[in-house]
Amino acid sequence: MIENHNSGQYLAVVDQTGVLFARGRGRFYAGGTTGWYVIRTCSCHDRLPVTRRYDIRETAEAAAAMLIAVSMTLGT
């Protein structure tokens, strides 16, 4: 059982060009969409986004860092 799904080991910043996400149910593909997302990589939420799309990778990385910091502060 995973205790902290926002732990750095379970978050990744990825370019999901051409991917539109379905609400918690996998991915739908569509052309022309570009962007960076923070996604979960744990087995129970594999590749589901936890942020909106960002145009710049550094902005998505900052969002991931914020998620990790808040999670650590709250002990969740």
Protein backbone atom coordinates (compact mmCIF):
# COMPACT_ATOMS: atom_id res chain seq x y z
CA MET A 1 0.00 0.00 0.00
CA ILE A 2 1.41 3.37 -1.03
CA GLU A 3 1.14 6.01 1.68
CA ASN A 4 2.18 9.13 -0.24
CA HIS A 5 1.19 9.32 -3.89
CA ASN A 6 2.72 12.84 -4.10
CA SER A 7 6.15 11.64 -3.04
CA GLY A 8 8.88 12.60 -5.48
CA GLN A 9 9.41 8.97 -6.35
CA TYR A 10 5.85 8.78 -7.73
CA LEU A 11 5.72 12.08 -9.65
CA ALA A 12 7.17 12.79 -13.08
CA VAL A 13 7.10 15.74 -15.45
CA VAL A 14 6.33 14.60 -18.98
CA ASP A 15 5.57 16.08 -22.37
CA GLN A 16 2.22 14.63 -23.35
CA THR A 17 2.09 15.91 -26.92
CA GLY A 18 -1.10 14.76 -28.57
CA VAL A 19 -2.60 13.21 -25.44
CA LEU A 20 -5.90 14.27 -23.90
CA PHE A 21 -6.73 12.68 -20.58
CA ALA A 22 -10.03 11.13 -19.58
CA ARG A 23 -11.16 11.77 -16.04
CA GLY A 24 -9.22 9.18 -14.06
CA ARG A 25 -9.72 6.53 -16.72
CA GLY A 26 -6.61 6.37 -18.85
CA ARG A 27 -5.80 8.44 -21.89
CA PHE A 28 -7.39 9.55 -25.12
CA TYR A 29 -5.19 10.59 -28.03
CA ALA A 30 -5.75 13.67 -30.15
CA GLY A 31 -3.37 15.48 -32.48
CA GLY A 32 -2.10 19.00 -32.05
CA THR A 33 -2.11 19.21 -28.25
CA THR A 34 1.25 19.95 -26.68
CA GLY A 35 2.15 20.50 -23.10
CA TRP A 36 3.88 19.46 -19.93
CA TYR A 37 2.08 17.68 -17.12
CA VAL A 38 2.95 16.40 -13.67
CA ILE A 39 1.78 12.78 -13.62
CA ARG A 40 1.69 10.07 -10.98
CA THR A 41 3.71 6.95 -11.66
CA CYS A 42 2.53 4.79 -8.75
CA SER A 43 0.84 1.54 -9.75
CA CYS A 44 -2.61 2.67 -8.56
CA HIS A 45 -2.56 5.97 -10.52
CA ASP A 46 -0.12 5.12 -13.31
CA ARG A 47 0.30 8.01 -15.77
CA LEU A 48 -2.69 10.01 -14.54
CA PRO A 49 -2.12 13.77 -14.51
CA VAL A 50 -2.23 15.69 -11.25
CA THR A 51 -1.85 19.16 -12.79
CA ARG A 52 -3.21 21.10 -15.69
CA ARG A 53 -1.18 21.44 -18.88
CA TYR A 54 1.79 23.81 -18.76
CA ASP A 55 3.43 25.33 -21.83
CA ILE A 56 6.89 25.39 -20.23
CA ARG A 57 8.66 22.42 -18.65
CA GLU A 58 10.14 24.55 -15.86
CA THR A 59 6.64 25.62 -14.77
CA ALA A 60 5.54 21.98 -14.55
CA GLU A 61 8.70 21.16 -12.58
CA ALA A 62 7.93 24.00 -10.15
CA ALA A 63 4.40 22.62 -9.71
CA ALA A 64 5.81 19.16 -8.94
CA ALA A 65 8.20 20.65 -6.39
CA MET A 66 5.29 22.49 -4.75
CA LEU A 67 3.24 19.26 -4.56
CA ILE A 68 6.14 17.47 -2.88
CA ALA A 69 6.80 20.34 -0.43
CA VAL A 70 3.14 20.62 0.60
CA SER A 71 2.87 16.86 0.98
CA MET A 72 5.95 16.76 3.20
CA THR A 73 4.74 19.72 5.29
CA LEU A 74 1.36 18.09 5.86
CA GLY A 75 2.87 14.66 6.44
CA THR A 76 0.66 13.08 3.80
